[in-house]
Amino acid sequence: MKVLKAWMPLMILLTLAVSVALAAHMTGTIVDQKCAIAGNLKADHTKHLSADNPAVFVRDSDNKIYTLKNGSRADTLLGKRVTIEGDVEGSIIKVESIVEIPEPSGP
């Protein structure tokens, strides 16, 4: 029993660390799935959306494609660079927030 009591705080800390590690904060572009697979991030993606071609997130750092769960706002941000927060499980992001990154204004 003493051993269990000694290990309990460590087990709780490890559980919390794993939970935090799954939360993600990433920057990338919202595009339709077919264009993402083809590497075309510049097209007019609004004409491409359909039930079998949903909006997806392409991460800037490695061009990994993520399917969005709870990402209904993503349809309004097609072709835009965004910051996305949510829980990641494999290649699926359970979206908590999506925020558009403003284009830099020129001089």
C-alpha atoms as a PDB file:
ATOM      1  CA  MET A   1       0.000   0.000   0.000  1.00  0.00           C
ATOM      2  CA  LYS A   2       2.875   2.384   0.798  1.00  0.00           C
ATOM      3  CA  VAL A   3       4.375   1.708  -2.639  1.00  0.00           C
ATOM      4  CA  LEU A   4       1.086   2.604  -4.328  1.00  0.00           C
ATOM      5  CA  LYS A   5       0.844   5.846  -2.349  1.00  0.00           C
ATOM      6  CA  ALA A   6       4.414   6.733  -3.293  1.00  0.00           C
ATOM      7  CA  TRP A   7       3.783   6.148  -7.027  1.00  0.00           C
ATOM      8  CA  MET A   8       0.370   7.844  -7.191  1.00  0.00           C
ATOM      9  CA  PRO A   9       1.665  11.458  -7.569  1.00  0.00           C
ATOM     10  CA  LEU A  10       4.025  10.347 -10.339  1.00  0.00           C
ATOM     11  CA  MET A  11       1.224   8.536 -12.163  1.00  0.00           C
ATOM     12  CA  ILE A  12      -0.975  11.636 -11.982  1.00  0.00           C
ATOM     13  CA  LEU A  13       1.825  13.827 -13.342  1.00  0.00           C
ATOM     14  CA  LEU A  14       2.478  11.459 -16.231  1.00  0.00           C
ATOM     15  CA  THR A  15      -1.219  11.345 -17.091  1.00  0.00           C
ATOM     16  CA  LEU A  16      -1.378  15.144 -17.165  1.00  0.00           C
ATOM     17  CA  ALA A  17       1.786  15.361 -19.276  1.00  0.00           C
ATOM     18  CA  VAL A  18       0.353  12.979 -21.865  1.00  0.00           C
ATOM     19  CA  SER A  19      -2.909  14.948 -22.008  1.00  0.00           C
ATOM     20  CA  VAL A  20      -1.068  18.217 -22.579  1.00  0.00           C
ATOM     21  CA  ALA A  21       1.149  16.659 -25.251  1.00  0.00           C
ATOM     22  CA  LEU A  22      -1.896  15.800 -27.364  1.00  0.00           C
ATOM     23  CA  ALA A  23      -3.099  19.409 -27.512  1.00  0.00           C
ATOM     24  CA  ALA A  24      -1.715  21.244 -30.533  1.00  0.00           C
ATOM     25  CA  HIS A  25      -1.160  24.825 -31.650  1.00  0.00           C
ATOM     26  CA  MET A  26      -0.206  24.887 -35.340  1.00  0.00           C
ATOM     27  CA  THR A  27       0.031  27.277 -38.267  1.00  0.00           C
ATOM     28  CA  GLY A  28      -0.927  26.374 -41.805  1.00  0.00           C
ATOM     29  CA  THR A  29      -3.463  26.752 -44.602  1.00  0.00           C
ATOM     30  CA  ILE A  30      -7.066  25.602 -44.984  1.00  0.00           C
ATOM     31  CA  VAL A  31      -7.675  24.031 -48.420  1.00  0.00           C
ATOM     32  CA  ASP A  32      -9.848  21.347 -49.975  1.00  0.00           C
ATOM     33  CA  GLN A  33      -8.611  17.776 -49.601  1.00  0.00           C
ATOM     34  CA  LYS A  34      -7.895  17.066 -53.289  1.00  0.00           C
ATOM     35  CA  CYS A  35      -5.824  20.245 -53.708  1.00  0.00           C
ATOM     36  CA  ALA A  36      -3.958  19.459 -50.471  1.00  0.00           C
ATOM     37  CA  ILE A  37      -3.001  16.017 -51.784  1.00  0.00           C
ATOM     38  CA  ALA A  38      -1.868  17.592 -55.087  1.00  0.00           C
ATOM     39  CA  GLY A  39       0.118  20.260 -53.201  1.00  0.00           C
ATOM     40  CA  ASN A  40      -1.958  23.094 -54.673  1.00  0.00           C
ATOM     41  CA  LEU A  41      -2.434  25.607 -51.858  1.00  0.00           C
ATOM     42  CA  LYS A  42      -3.110  28.636 -54.106  1.00  0.00           C
ATOM     43  CA  ALA A  43      -6.273  27.607 -56.045  1.00  0.00           C
ATOM     44  CA  ASP A  44      -9.784  28.975 -55.502  1.00  0.00           C
ATOM     45  CA  HIS A  45     -10.801  26.182 -53.177  1.00  0.00           C
ATOM     46  CA  THR A  46     -14.411  27.353 -52.735  1.00  0.00           C
ATOM     47  CA  LYS A  47     -15.288  25.803 -56.112  1.00  0.00           C
ATOM     48  CA  HIS A  48     -13.843  22.456 -55.057  1.00  0.00           C
ATOM     49  CA  LEU A  49     -15.643  21.743 -51.766  1.00  0.00           C
ATOM     50  CA  SER A  50     -18.093  18.870 -51.669  1.00  0.00           C
ATOM     51  CA  ALA A  51     -19.152  16.080 -49.329  1.00  0.00           C
ATOM     52  CA  ASP A  52     -16.373  13.852 -50.687  1.00  0.00           C
ATOM     53  CA  ASN A  53     -13.812  16.695 -50.836  1.00  0.00           C
ATOM     54  CA  PRO A  54     -13.909  18.499 -47.446  1.00  0.00           C
ATOM     55  CA  ALA A  55     -11.774  21.327 -46.110  1.00  0.00           C
ATOM     56  CA  VAL A  56      -8.523  20.148 -44.491  1.00  0.00           C
ATOM     57  CA  PHE A  57      -5.581  21.777 -42.690  1.00  0.00           C
ATOM     58  CA  VAL A  58      -2.056  21.696 -44.192  1.00  0.00           C
ATOM     59  CA  ARG A  59       0.613  22.408 -41.558  1.00  0.00           C
ATOM     60  CA  ASP A  60       3.312  24.910 -42.639  1.00  0.00           C
ATOM     61  CA  SER A  61       6.259  23.135 -41.024  1.00  0.00           C
ATOM     62  CA  ASP A  62       5.984  19.841 -42.930  1.00  0.00           C
ATOM     63  CA  ASN A  63       2.932  20.059 -45.244  1.00  0.00           C
ATOM     64  CA  LYS A  64       1.195  17.301 -43.266  1.00  0.00           C
ATOM     65  CA  ILE A  65      -2.519  17.121 -44.047  1.00  0.00           C
ATOM     66  CA  TYR A  66      -4.986  16.963 -41.159  1.00  0.00           C
ATOM     67  CA  THR A  67      -8.692  16.156 -41.317  1.00  0.00           C
ATOM     68  CA  LEU A  68     -10.772  18.568 -39.241  1.00  0.00           C
ATOM     69  CA  LYS A  69     -13.339  17.395 -36.719  1.00  0.00           C
ATOM     70  CA  ASN A  70     -15.665  20.158 -35.461  1.00  0.00           C
ATOM     71  CA  GLY A  71     -14.105  22.487 -38.039  1.00  0.00           C
ATOM     72  CA  SER A  72     -17.208  23.990 -39.632  1.00  0.00           C
ATOM     73  CA  ARG A  73     -15.603  27.464 -39.560  1.00  0.00           C
ATOM     74  CA  ALA A  74     -12.833  26.118 -41.817  1.00  0.00           C
ATOM     75  CA  ASP A  75     -15.123  26.341 -44.864  1.00  0.00           C
ATOM     76  CA  THR A  76     -15.138  30.143 -44.517  1.00  0.00           C
ATOM     77  CA  LEU A  77     -11.329  30.278 -44.357  1.00  0.00           C
ATOM     78  CA  LEU A  78     -10.441  28.353 -47.528  1.00  0.00           C
ATOM     79  CA  GLY A  79      -7.082  29.418 -48.950  1.00  0.00           C
ATOM     80  CA  LYS A  80      -6.228  31.395 -45.805  1.00  0.00           C
ATOM     81  CA  ARG A  81      -3.289  30.961 -43.443  1.00  0.00           C
ATOM     82  CA  VAL A  82      -4.568  30.198 -39.976  1.00  0.00           C
ATOM     83  CA  THR A  83      -3.539  29.248 -36.490  1.00  0.00           C
ATOM     84  CA  ILE A  84      -5.435  26.217 -35.310  1.00  0.00           C
ATOM     85  CA  GLU A  85      -5.730  24.794 -31.801  1.00  0.00           C
ATOM     86  CA  GLY A  86      -7.127  21.453 -30.823  1.00  0.00           C
ATOM     87  CA  ASP A  87      -6.464  17.880 -29.830  1.00  0.00           C
ATOM     88  CA  VAL A  88      -4.536  15.788 -32.344  1.00  0.00           C
ATOM     89  CA  GLU A  89      -5.066  12.080 -32.796  1.00  0.00           C
ATOM     90  CA  GLY A  90      -3.048  10.756 -35.731  1.00  0.00           C
ATOM     91  CA  SER A  91      -4.025  12.909 -38.714  1.00  0.00           C
ATOM     92  CA  ILE A  92      -7.265  14.229 -37.196  1.00  0.00           C
ATOM     93  CA  ILE A  93      -7.578  17.524 -35.322  1.00  0.00           C
ATOM     94  CA  LYS A  94     -10.538  17.994 -32.997  1.00  0.00           C
ATOM     95  CA  VAL A  95     -10.747  21.748 -33.511  1.00  0.00           C
ATOM     96  CA  GLU A  96     -11.060  24.069 -30.524  1.00  0.00           C
ATOM     97  CA  SER A  97     -10.305  27.303 -32.415  1.00  0.00           C
ATOM     98  CA  ILE A  98      -9.272  28.540 -35.850  1.00  0.00           C
ATOM     99  CA  VAL A  99      -7.975  32.100 -36.253  1.00  0.00           C
ATOM    100  CA  GLU A 100      -7.049  33.685 -39.580  1.00  0.00           C
ATOM    101  CA  ILE A 101      -3.541  35.141 -39.801  1.00  0.00           C
ATOM    102  CA  PRO A 102      -3.845  38.606 -41.385  1.00  0.00           C
ATOM    103  CA  GLU A 103      -1.949  39.263 -44.608  1.00  0.00           C
ATOM    104  CA  PRO A 104       0.963  41.642 -44.052  1.00  0.00           C
ATOM    105  CA  SER A 105       0.127  45.099 -45.314  1.00  0.00           C
ATOM    106  CA  GLY A 106       2.598  46.654 -47.713  1.00  0.00           C
ATOM    107  CA  PRO A 107       4.137  50.118 -47.392  1.00  0.00           C
END
